[in-house]
Amino acid sequence: MARSEKIILTDKENLFIKILDENRDRIYRLCMGYLMDKQEIDDLFQDVTVNIWRGLDTFRGEAKTSTWVYRIAV
């Protein structure tokens, strides 16, 4: 990709970035509550973020986003 080309994000990608920005620390702390090994914590964090991405299409917005993210993480 040339330097001058802009990357255009979809609404889903923008929402995903916003959710992660707002909940990253909370998710990571929750992962640390389940595991002790840093590599395993990082793997679990990645699994949670993948599940958030997969669930975005079905999120109905009936609960707060942070509540929805918490339920995915748990």
PDB file of N, CA and C in Angstrom:
ATOM      1  N   MET A   1       0.844  -1.168   0.000  1.00  0.00           N
ATOM      2  CA  MET A   1       0.000   0.000   0.000  1.00  0.00           C
ATOM      3  C   MET A   1       0.896   1.240   0.000  1.00  0.00           C
ATOM      4  N   ALA A   2       0.576   2.162  -0.839  1.00  0.00           N
ATOM      5  CA  ALA A   2       1.345   3.403  -0.923  1.00  0.00           C
ATOM      6  C   ALA A   2       1.070   4.259   0.311  1.00  0.00           C
ATOM      7  N   ARG A   3       2.035   5.086   0.655  1.00  0.00           N
ATOM      8  CA  ARG A   3       1.887   5.936   1.848  1.00  0.00           C
ATOM      9  C   ARG A   3       0.686   6.869   1.780  1.00  0.00           C
ATOM     10  N   SER A   4       0.351   7.317   0.615  1.00  0.00           N
ATOM     11  CA  SER A   4      -0.723   8.295   0.491  1.00  0.00           C
ATOM     12  C   SER A   4      -2.111   7.656   0.536  1.00  0.00           C
ATOM     13  N   GLU A   5      -2.186   6.336   0.446  1.00  0.00           N
ATOM     14  CA  GLU A   5      -3.486   5.682   0.484  1.00  0.00           C
ATOM     15  C   GLU A   5      -4.027   5.699   1.902  1.00  0.00           C
ATOM     16  N   LYS A   6      -5.313   5.989   2.022  1.00  0.00           N
ATOM     17  CA  LYS A   6      -5.961   5.996   3.321  1.00  0.00           C
ATOM     18  C   LYS A   6      -6.671   4.667   3.529  1.00  0.00           C
ATOM     19  N   ILE A   7      -6.675   4.232   4.762  1.00  0.00           N
ATOM     20  CA  ILE A   7      -7.420   3.039   5.114  1.00  0.00           C
ATOM     21  C   ILE A   7      -8.784   3.493   5.611  1.00  0.00           C
ATOM     22  N   ILE A   8      -9.813   2.979   5.004  1.00  0.00           N
ATOM     23  CA  ILE A   8     -11.180   3.327   5.391  1.00  0.00           C
ATOM     24  C   ILE A   8     -11.747   2.167   6.187  1.00  0.00           C
ATOM     25  N   LEU A   9     -12.144   2.464   7.413  1.00  0.00           N
ATOM     26  CA  LEU A   9     -12.677   1.437   8.287  1.00  0.00           C
ATOM     27  C   LEU A   9     -14.189   1.368   8.169  1.00  0.00           C
ATOM     28  N   THR A  10     -14.716   0.176   8.340  1.00  0.00           N
ATOM     29  CA  THR A  10     -16.165  -0.003   8.322  1.00  0.00           C
ATOM     30  C   THR A  10     -16.739   0.437   9.661  1.00  0.00           C
ATOM     31  N   ASP A  11     -18.053   0.566   9.718  1.00  0.00           N
ATOM     32  CA  ASP A  11     -18.709   0.916  10.980  1.00  0.00           C
ATOM     33  C   ASP A  11     -18.419  -0.141  12.045  1.00  0.00           C
ATOM     34  N   LYS A  12     -18.419  -1.413  11.630  1.00  0.00           N
ATOM     35  CA  LYS A  12     -18.139  -2.503  12.562  1.00  0.00           C
ATOM     36  C   LYS A  12     -16.720  -2.382  13.122  1.00  0.00           C
ATOM     37  N   GLU A  13     -15.760  -2.084  12.265  1.00  0.00           N
ATOM     38  CA  GLU A  13     -14.375  -1.936  12.713  1.00  0.00           C
ATOM     39  C   GLU A  13     -14.225  -0.757  13.673  1.00  0.00           C
ATOM     40  N   ASN A  14     -14.885   0.350  13.366  1.00  0.00           N
ATOM     41  CA  ASN A  14     -14.835   1.520  14.253  1.00  0.00           C
ATOM     42  C   ASN A  14     -15.463   1.211  15.605  1.00  0.00           C
ATOM     43  N   LEU A  15     -16.596   0.503  15.596  1.00  0.00           N
ATOM     44  CA  LEU A  15     -17.253   0.123  16.843  1.00  0.00           C
ATOM     45  C   LEU A  15     -16.364  -0.815  17.648  1.00  0.00           C
ATOM     46  N   PHE A  16     -15.744  -1.775  16.992  1.00  0.00           N
ATOM     47  CA  PHE A  16     -14.850  -2.714  17.653  1.00  0.00           C
ATOM     48  C   PHE A  16     -13.683  -1.974  18.322  1.00  0.00           C
ATOM     49  N   ILE A  17     -13.084  -1.057  17.618  1.00  0.00           N
ATOM     50  CA  ILE A  17     -11.972  -0.268  18.170  1.00  0.00           C
ATOM     51  C   ILE A  17     -12.441   0.536  19.376  1.00  0.00           C
ATOM     52  N   LYS A  18     -13.608   1.135  19.282  1.00  0.00           N
ATOM     53  CA  LYS A  18     -14.158   1.924  20.390  1.00  0.00           C
ATOM     54  C   LYS A  18     -14.407   1.041  21.616  1.00  0.00           C
ATOM     55  N   ILE A  19     -14.994  -0.123  21.400  1.00  0.00           N
ATOM     56  CA  ILE A  19     -15.272  -1.038  22.505  1.00  0.00           C
ATOM     57  C   ILE A  19     -13.971  -1.478  23.176  1.00  0.00           C
ATOM     58  N   LEU A  20     -12.978  -1.819  22.367  1.00  0.00           N
ATOM     59  CA  LEU A  20     -11.688  -2.234  22.952  1.00  0.00           C
ATOM     60  C   LEU A  20     -11.018  -1.086  23.701  1.00  0.00           C
ATOM     61  N   ASP A  21     -11.063   0.101  23.135  1.00  0.00           N
ATOM     62  CA  ASP A  21     -10.464   1.257  23.812  1.00  0.00           C
ATOM     63  C   ASP A  21     -11.099   1.485  25.181  1.00  0.00           C
ATOM     64  N   GLU A  22     -12.409   1.322  25.248  1.00  0.00           N
ATOM     65  CA  GLU A  22     -13.136   1.590  26.488  1.00  0.00           C
ATOM     66  C   GLU A  22     -13.042   0.452  27.498  1.00  0.00           C
ATOM     67  N   ASN A  23     -12.745  -0.769  27.049  1.00  0.00           N
ATOM     68  CA  ASN A  23     -12.827  -1.924  27.937  1.00  0.00           C
ATOM     69  C   ASN A  23     -11.553  -2.747  28.055  1.00  0.00           C
ATOM     70  N   ARG A  24     -10.506  -2.340  27.360  1.00  0.00           N
ATOM     71  CA  ARG A  24      -9.259  -3.120  27.319  1.00  0.00           C
ATOM     72  C   ARG A  24      -8.743  -3.451  28.721  1.00  0.00           C
ATOM     73  N   ASP A  25      -8.622  -2.465  29.593  1.00  0.00           N
ATOM     74  CA  ASP A  25      -8.080  -2.694  30.932  1.00  0.00           C
ATOM     75  C   ASP A  25      -8.975  -3.624  31.741  1.00  0.00           C
ATOM     76  N   ARG A  26     -10.258  -3.427  31.665  1.00  0.00           N
ATOM     77  CA  ARG A  26     -11.222  -4.247  32.398  1.00  0.00           C
ATOM     78  C   ARG A  26     -11.127  -5.708  31.951  1.00  0.00           C
ATOM     79  N   ILE A  27     -11.053  -5.924  30.642  1.00  0.00           N
ATOM     80  CA  ILE A  27     -10.943  -7.285  30.105  1.00  0.00           C
ATOM     81  C   ILE A  27      -9.642  -7.928  30.574  1.00  0.00           C
ATOM     82  N   TYR A  28      -8.552  -7.181  30.495  1.00  0.00           N
ATOM     83  CA  TYR A  28      -7.251  -7.740  30.875  1.00  0.00           C
ATOM     84  C   TYR A  28      -7.218  -8.102  32.360  1.00  0.00           C
ATOM     85  N   ARG A  29      -7.772  -7.230  33.204  1.00  0.00           N
ATOM     86  CA  ARG A  29      -7.813  -7.529  34.641  1.00  0.00           C
ATOM     87  C   ARG A  29      -8.645  -8.778  34.912  1.00  0.00           C
ATOM     88  N   LEU A  30      -9.730  -8.933  34.197  1.00  0.00           N
ATOM     89  CA  LEU A  30     -10.568 -10.114  34.358  1.00  0.00           C
ATOM     90  C   LEU A  30      -9.796 -11.370  33.959  1.00  0.00           C
ATOM     91  N   CYS A  31      -9.059 -11.307  32.872  1.00  0.00           N
ATOM     92  CA  CYS A  31      -8.230 -12.440  32.432  1.00  0.00           C
ATOM     93  C   CYS A  31      -7.184 -12.772  33.494  1.00  0.00           C
ATOM     94  N   MET A  32      -6.622 -11.741  34.116  1.00  0.00           N
ATOM     95  CA  MET A  32      -5.620 -11.953  35.163  1.00  0.00           C
ATOM     96  C   MET A  32      -6.238 -12.629  36.385  1.00  0.00           C
ATOM     97  N   GLY A  33      -7.526 -12.451  36.581  1.00  0.00           N
ATOM     98  CA  GLY A  33      -8.208 -13.099  37.698  1.00  0.00           C
ATOM     99  C   GLY A  33      -8.363 -14.601  37.501  1.00  0.00           C
ATOM    100  N   TYR A  34      -8.309 -15.048  36.262  1.00  0.00           N
ATOM    101  CA  TYR A  34      -8.464 -16.470  35.965  1.00  0.00           C
ATOM    102  C   TYR A  34      -7.132 -17.187  35.800  1.00  0.00           C
ATOM    103  N   LEU A  35      -6.105 -16.498  35.386  1.00  0.00           N
ATOM    104  CA  LEU A  35      -4.830 -17.130  35.058  1.00  0.00           C
ATOM    105  C   LEU A  35      -3.668 -16.379  35.697  1.00  0.00           C
ATOM    106  N   MET A  36      -2.546 -17.064  35.816  1.00  0.00           N
ATOM    107  CA  MET A  36      -1.356 -16.453  36.407  1.00  0.00           C
ATOM    108  C   MET A  36      -0.253 -16.218  35.371  1.00  0.00           C
ATOM    109  N   ASP A  37      -0.146 -17.077  34.391  1.00  0.00           N
ATOM    110  CA  ASP A  37       0.915 -17.003  33.397  1.00  0.00           C
ATOM    111  C   ASP A  37       0.615 -15.904  32.369  1.00  0.00           C
ATOM    112  N   LYS A  38       1.579 -14.996  32.151  1.00  0.00           N
ATOM    113  CA  LYS A  38       1.365 -13.866  31.240  1.00  0.00           C
ATOM    114  C   LYS A  38       0.969 -14.316  29.844  1.00  0.00           C
ATOM    115  N   GLN A  39       1.620 -15.347  29.321  1.00  0.00           N
ATOM    116  CA  GLN A  39       1.299 -15.830  27.970  1.00  0.00           C
ATOM    117  C   GLN A  39      -0.138 -16.347  27.901  1.00  0.00           C
ATOM    118  N   GLU A  40      -0.566 -17.063  28.933  1.00  0.00           N
ATOM    119  CA  GLU A  40      -1.940 -17.564  28.959  1.00  0.00           C
ATOM    120  C   GLU A  40      -2.943 -16.419  29.095  1.00  0.00           C
ATOM    121  N   ILE A  41      -2.594 -15.418  29.880  1.00  0.00           N
ATOM    122  CA  ILE A  41      -3.457 -14.243  30.039  1.00  0.00           C
ATOM    123  C   ILE A  41      -3.613 -13.541  28.688  1.00  0.00           C
ATOM    124  N   ASP A  42      -2.501 -13.359  27.994  1.00  0.00           N
ATOM    125  CA  ASP A  42      -2.542 -12.717  26.678  1.00  0.00           C
ATOM    126  C   ASP A  42      -3.363 -13.534  25.682  1.00  0.00           C
ATOM    127  N   ASP A  43      -3.226 -14.861  25.738  1.00  0.00           N
ATOM    128  CA  ASP A  43      -4.016 -15.725  24.848  1.00  0.00           C
ATOM    129  C   ASP A  43      -5.508 -15.608  25.150  1.00  0.00           C
ATOM    130  N   LEU A  44      -5.851 -15.594  26.436  1.00  0.00           N
ATOM    131  CA  LEU A  44      -7.257 -15.456  26.826  1.00  0.00           C
ATOM    132  C   LEU A  44      -7.801 -14.096  26.397  1.00  0.00           C
ATOM    133  N   PHE A  45      -6.993 -13.052  26.590  1.00  0.00           N
ATOM    134  CA  PHE A  45      -7.395 -11.711  26.160  1.00  0.00           C
ATOM    135  C   PHE A  45      -7.693 -11.705  24.665  1.00  0.00           C
ATOM    136  N   GLN A  46      -6.838 -12.352  23.890  1.00  0.00           N
ATOM    137  CA  GLN A  46      -7.066 -12.428  22.448  1.00  0.00           C
ATOM    138  C   GLN A  46      -8.338 -13.201  22.127  1.00  0.00           C
ATOM    139  N   ASP A  47      -8.580 -14.295  22.838  1.00  0.00           N
ATOM    140  CA  ASP A  47      -9.813 -15.059  22.621  1.00  0.00           C
ATOM    141  C   ASP A  47     -11.046 -14.197  22.895  1.00  0.00           C
ATOM    142  N   VAL A  48     -10.991 -13.420  23.959  1.00  0.00           N
ATOM    143  CA  VAL A  48     -12.119 -12.544  24.300  1.00  0.00           C
ATOM    144  C   VAL A  48     -12.331 -11.501  23.203  1.00  0.00           C
ATOM    145  N   THR A  49     -11.254 -10.902  22.719  1.00  0.00           N
ATOM    146  CA  THR A  49     -11.407  -9.882  21.674  1.00  0.00           C
ATOM    147  C   THR A  49     -11.961 -10.484  20.384  1.00  0.00           C
ATOM    148  N   VAL A  50     -11.550 -11.709  20.059  1.00  0.00           N
ATOM    149  CA  VAL A  50     -12.108 -12.383  18.875  1.00  0.00           C
ATOM    150  C   VAL A  50     -13.602 -12.628  19.074  1.00  0.00           C
ATOM    151  N   ASN A  51     -13.987 -13.042  20.268  1.00  0.00           N
ATOM    152  CA  ASN A  51     -15.408 -13.285  20.536  1.00  0.00           C
ATOM    153  C   ASN A  51     -16.225 -11.989  20.512  1.00  0.00           C
ATOM    154  N   ILE A  52     -15.631 -10.901  20.936  1.00  0.00           N
ATOM    155  CA  ILE A  52     -16.311  -9.605  20.827  1.00  0.00           C
ATOM    156  C   ILE A  52     -16.538  -9.281  19.349  1.00  0.00           C
ATOM    157  N   TRP A  53     -15.501  -9.439  18.534  1.00  0.00           N
ATOM    158  CA  TRP A  53     -15.621  -9.174  17.097  1.00  0.00           C
ATOM    159  C   TRP A  53     -16.740 -10.024  16.480  1.00  0.00           C
ATOM    160  N   ARG A  54     -16.742 -11.312  16.792  1.00  0.00           N
ATOM    161  CA  ARG A  54     -17.746 -12.228  16.237  1.00  0.00           C
ATOM    162  C   ARG A  54     -19.153 -11.880  16.704  1.00  0.00           C
ATOM    163  N   GLY A  55     -19.263 -11.364  17.928  1.00  0.00           N
ATOM    164  CA  GLY A  55     -20.572 -11.067  18.482  1.00  0.00           C
ATOM    165  C   GLY A  55     -21.133  -9.711  18.107  1.00  0.00           C
ATOM    166  N   LEU A  56     -20.340  -8.864  17.505  1.00  0.00           N
ATOM    167  CA  LEU A  56     -20.805  -7.502  17.186  1.00  0.00           C
ATOM    168  C   LEU A  56     -22.048  -7.494  16.302  1.00  0.00           C
ATOM    169  N   ASP A  57     -22.126  -8.410  15.373  1.00  0.00           N
ATOM    170  CA  ASP A  57     -23.273  -8.427  14.451  1.00  0.00           C
ATOM    171  C   ASP A  57     -24.580  -8.769  15.156  1.00  0.00           C
ATOM    172  N   THR A  58     -24.501  -9.459  16.290  1.00  0.00           N
ATOM    173  CA  THR A  58     -25.726  -9.866  16.990  1.00  0.00           C
ATOM    174  C   THR A  58     -25.993  -9.043  18.246  1.00  0.00           C
ATOM    175  N   PHE A  59     -25.083  -8.121  18.585  1.00  0.00           N
ATOM    176  CA  PHE A  59     -25.302  -7.274  19.759  1.00  0.00           C
ATOM    177  C   PHE A  59     -26.485  -6.358  19.508  1.00  0.00           C
ATOM    178  N   ARG A  60     -27.499  -6.472  20.358  1.00  0.00           N
ATOM    179  CA  ARG A  60     -28.744  -5.722  20.154  1.00  0.00           C
ATOM    180  C   ARG A  60     -28.769  -4.380  20.885  1.00  0.00           C
ATOM    181  N   GLY A  61     -27.815  -4.162  21.763  1.00  0.00           N
ATOM    182  CA  GLY A  61     -27.769  -2.892  22.482  1.00  0.00           C
ATOM    183  C   GLY A  61     -28.775  -2.788  23.610  1.00  0.00           C
ATOM    184  N   GLU A  62     -29.326  -3.917  24.037  1.00  0.00           N
ATOM    185  CA  GLU A  62     -30.297  -3.898  25.132  1.00  0.00           C
ATOM    186  C   GLU A  62     -29.619  -3.722  26.488  1.00  0.00           C
ATOM    187  N   ALA A  63     -28.338  -4.035  26.543  1.00  0.00           N
ATOM    188  CA  ALA A  63     -27.540  -3.850  27.761  1.00  0.00           C
ATOM    189  C   ALA A  63     -26.434  -2.850  27.460  1.00  0.00           C
ATOM    190  N   LYS A  64     -25.814  -2.353  28.525  1.00  0.00           N
ATOM    191  CA  LYS A  64     -24.658  -1.490  28.314  1.00  0.00           C
ATOM    192  C   LYS A  64     -23.574  -2.305  27.619  1.00  0.00           C
ATOM    193  N   THR A  65     -22.784  -1.646  26.806  1.00  0.00           N
ATOM    194  CA  THR A  65     -21.711  -2.325  26.095  1.00  0.00           C
ATOM    195  C   THR A  65     -20.751  -2.978  27.073  1.00  0.00           C
ATOM    196  N   SER A  66     -20.439  -2.306  28.176  1.00  0.00           N
ATOM    197  CA  SER A  66     -19.506  -2.864  29.153  1.00  0.00           C
ATOM    198  C   SER A  66     -20.065  -4.145  29.778  1.00  0.00           C
ATOM    199  N   THR A  67     -21.354  -4.213  29.997  1.00  0.00           N
ATOM    200  CA  THR A  67     -21.989  -5.421  30.532  1.00  0.00           C
ATOM    201  C   THR A  67     -21.896  -6.562  29.532  1.00  0.00           C
ATOM    202  N   TRP A  68     -22.152  -6.259  28.278  1.00  0.00           N
ATOM    203  CA  TRP A  68     -22.065  -7.254  27.208  1.00  0.00           C
ATOM    204  C   TRP A  68     -20.636  -7.785  27.087  1.00  0.00           C
ATOM    205  N   VAL A  69     -19.659  -6.906  27.138  1.00  0.00           N
ATOM    206  CA  VAL A  69     -18.253  -7.301  27.059  1.00  0.00           C
ATOM    207  C   VAL A  69     -17.890  -8.169  28.265  1.00  0.00           C
ATOM    208  N   TYR A  70     -18.345  -7.790  29.435  1.00  0.00           N
ATOM    209  CA  TYR A  70     -18.069  -8.570  30.652  1.00  0.00           C
ATOM    210  C   TYR A  70     -18.614  -9.990  30.508  1.00  0.00           C
ATOM    211  N   ARG A  71     -19.805 -10.117  30.012  1.00  0.00           N
ATOM    212  CA  ARG A  71     -20.409 -11.450  29.867  1.00  0.00           C
ATOM    213  C   ARG A  71     -19.642 -12.290  28.857  1.00  0.00           C
ATOM    214  N   ILE A  72     -19.142 -11.676  27.810  1.00  0.00           N
ATOM    215  CA  ILE A  72     -18.319 -12.419  26.847  1.00  0.00           C
ATOM    216  C   ILE A  72     -17.028 -12.868  27.520  1.00  0.00           C
ATOM    217  N   ALA A  73     -16.418 -11.994  28.282  1.00  0.00           N
ATOM    218  CA  ALA A  73     -15.141 -12.313  28.929  1.00  0.00           C
ATOM    219  C   ALA A  73     -15.278 -13.424  29.967  1.00  0.00           C
ATOM    220  N   VAL A  74     -16.376 -13.406  30.692  1.00  0.00           N
ATOM    221  CA  VAL A  74     -16.575 -14.424  31.725  1.00  0.00           C
ATOM    222  C   VAL A  74     -16.918 -15.739  31.063  1.00  0.00           C
TER     223      VAL A  74
END
